Amino acid sequence: MVRTVISLDPEEKAWLDRKARETRRPMTAIVREAVARYRAEESRRRKPALPALLDQTSGMWKHGDGLAWQVGLRREWDAS
């Protein structure tokens, strides 16, 4: 693990001290858990990249040739 120094407001430090005492866990473990949760939340909120979206949606259309269906639909639009 890499050691780092962070600065906290006095209220945040007091909360962290209390939480460590209540849970009988080291402050460092609580901070690591908070960072891990933050990273997981960020990755859920981030939009997936195009290649990932293509992989996730590949093969979803189960009703024949999707391009033929799309061309037919556009012909209907042109006919109106």
Protein backbone atom coordinates (compact mmCIF):
# COMPACT_ATOMS: atom_id res chain seq x y z
CA MET A 1 0.00 0.00 0.00
CA VAL A 2 1.01 3.57 -0.60
CA ARG A 3 0.96 5.89 2.34
CA THR A 4 -0.59 9.33 1.87
CA VAL A 5 -1.42 12.35 3.97
CA ILE A 6 -4.84 14.01 3.80
CA SER A 7 -6.20 17.18 5.36
CA LEU A 8 -9.60 17.13 7.02
CA ASP A 9 -11.75 19.78 8.60
CA PRO A 10 -11.89 19.43 12.39
CA GLU A 11 -15.51 18.24 12.20
CA GLU A 12 -14.62 15.58 9.65
CA LYS A 13 -11.68 14.39 11.75
CA ALA A 14 -13.88 14.24 14.86
CA TRP A 15 -16.47 12.20 12.96
CA LEU A 16 -13.79 9.85 11.69
CA ASP A 17 -12.40 9.41 15.21
CA ARG A 18 -15.89 8.62 16.56
CA LYS A 19 -16.61 6.19 13.74
CA ALA A 20 -13.32 4.39 14.33
CA ARG A 21 -14.10 4.02 18.03
CA GLU A 22 -17.69 2.91 17.41
CA THR A 23 -16.73 0.30 14.82
CA ARG A 24 -13.43 -0.63 16.50
CA ARG A 25 -11.68 -0.23 13.18
CA PRO A 26 -8.66 1.85 12.23
CA MET A 27 -9.34 5.21 10.60
CA THR A 28 -7.27 4.10 7.63
CA ALA A 29 -9.62 1.17 7.00
CA ILE A 30 -12.62 3.49 7.07
CA VAL A 31 -10.97 5.91 4.65
CA ARG A 32 -9.98 3.07 2.29
CA GLU A 33 -13.56 1.76 2.36
CA ALA A 34 -14.91 5.26 1.63
CA VAL A 35 -12.57 5.66 -1.34
CA ALA A 36 -13.55 2.22 -2.68
CA ARG A 37 -17.26 3.07 -2.40
CA TYR A 38 -16.72 6.43 -4.08
CA ARG A 39 -14.88 4.78 -6.98
CA ALA A 40 -17.64 2.17 -7.40
CA GLU A 41 -20.31 4.88 -7.40
CA GLU A 42 -18.38 6.93 -9.95
CA SER A 43 -17.97 3.97 -12.27
CA ARG A 44 -21.73 3.25 -12.11
CA ARG A 45 -22.55 6.87 -12.96
CA ARG A 46 -20.07 7.11 -15.82
CA LYS A 47 -21.43 6.38 -19.27
CA PRO A 48 -20.01 3.22 -20.75
CA ALA A 49 -17.69 3.62 -23.73
CA LEU A 50 -19.05 2.87 -27.19
CA PRO A 51 -17.23 -0.49 -27.54
CA ALA A 52 -18.70 -1.60 -24.20
CA LEU A 53 -22.19 -0.53 -25.28
CA LEU A 54 -21.82 -2.40 -28.55
CA ASP A 55 -20.74 -5.54 -26.70
CA GLN A 56 -23.65 -5.25 -24.28
CA THR A 57 -26.28 -4.77 -27.00
CA SER A 58 -24.91 -7.10 -29.67
CA GLY A 59 -27.54 -9.61 -30.74
CA MET A 60 -30.47 -7.95 -28.97
CA TRP A 61 -32.62 -7.72 -32.13
CA LYS A 62 -34.17 -11.18 -32.55
CA HIS A 63 -36.65 -10.46 -35.38
CA GLY A 64 -34.61 -11.11 -38.51
CA ASP A 65 -32.45 -8.68 -40.46
CA GLY A 66 -32.39 -5.41 -38.53
CA LEU A 67 -31.06 -3.42 -41.48
CA ALA A 68 -33.88 -4.64 -43.75
CA TRP A 69 -36.42 -3.64 -41.10
CA GLN A 70 -34.83 -0.20 -40.77
CA VAL A 71 -34.82 0.35 -44.57
CA GLY A 72 -38.51 -0.64 -44.75
CA LEU A 73 -39.40 1.72 -41.95
CA ARG A 74 -37.61 4.60 -43.65
CA ARG A 75 -39.45 3.85 -46.88
CA GLU A 76 -42.69 4.34 -44.95
CA TRP A 77 -41.44 7.74 -43.83
CA ASP A 78 -40.58 8.71 -47.42
CA ALA A 79 -44.02 7.60 -48.65
CA SER A 80 -45.83 10.02 -46.34
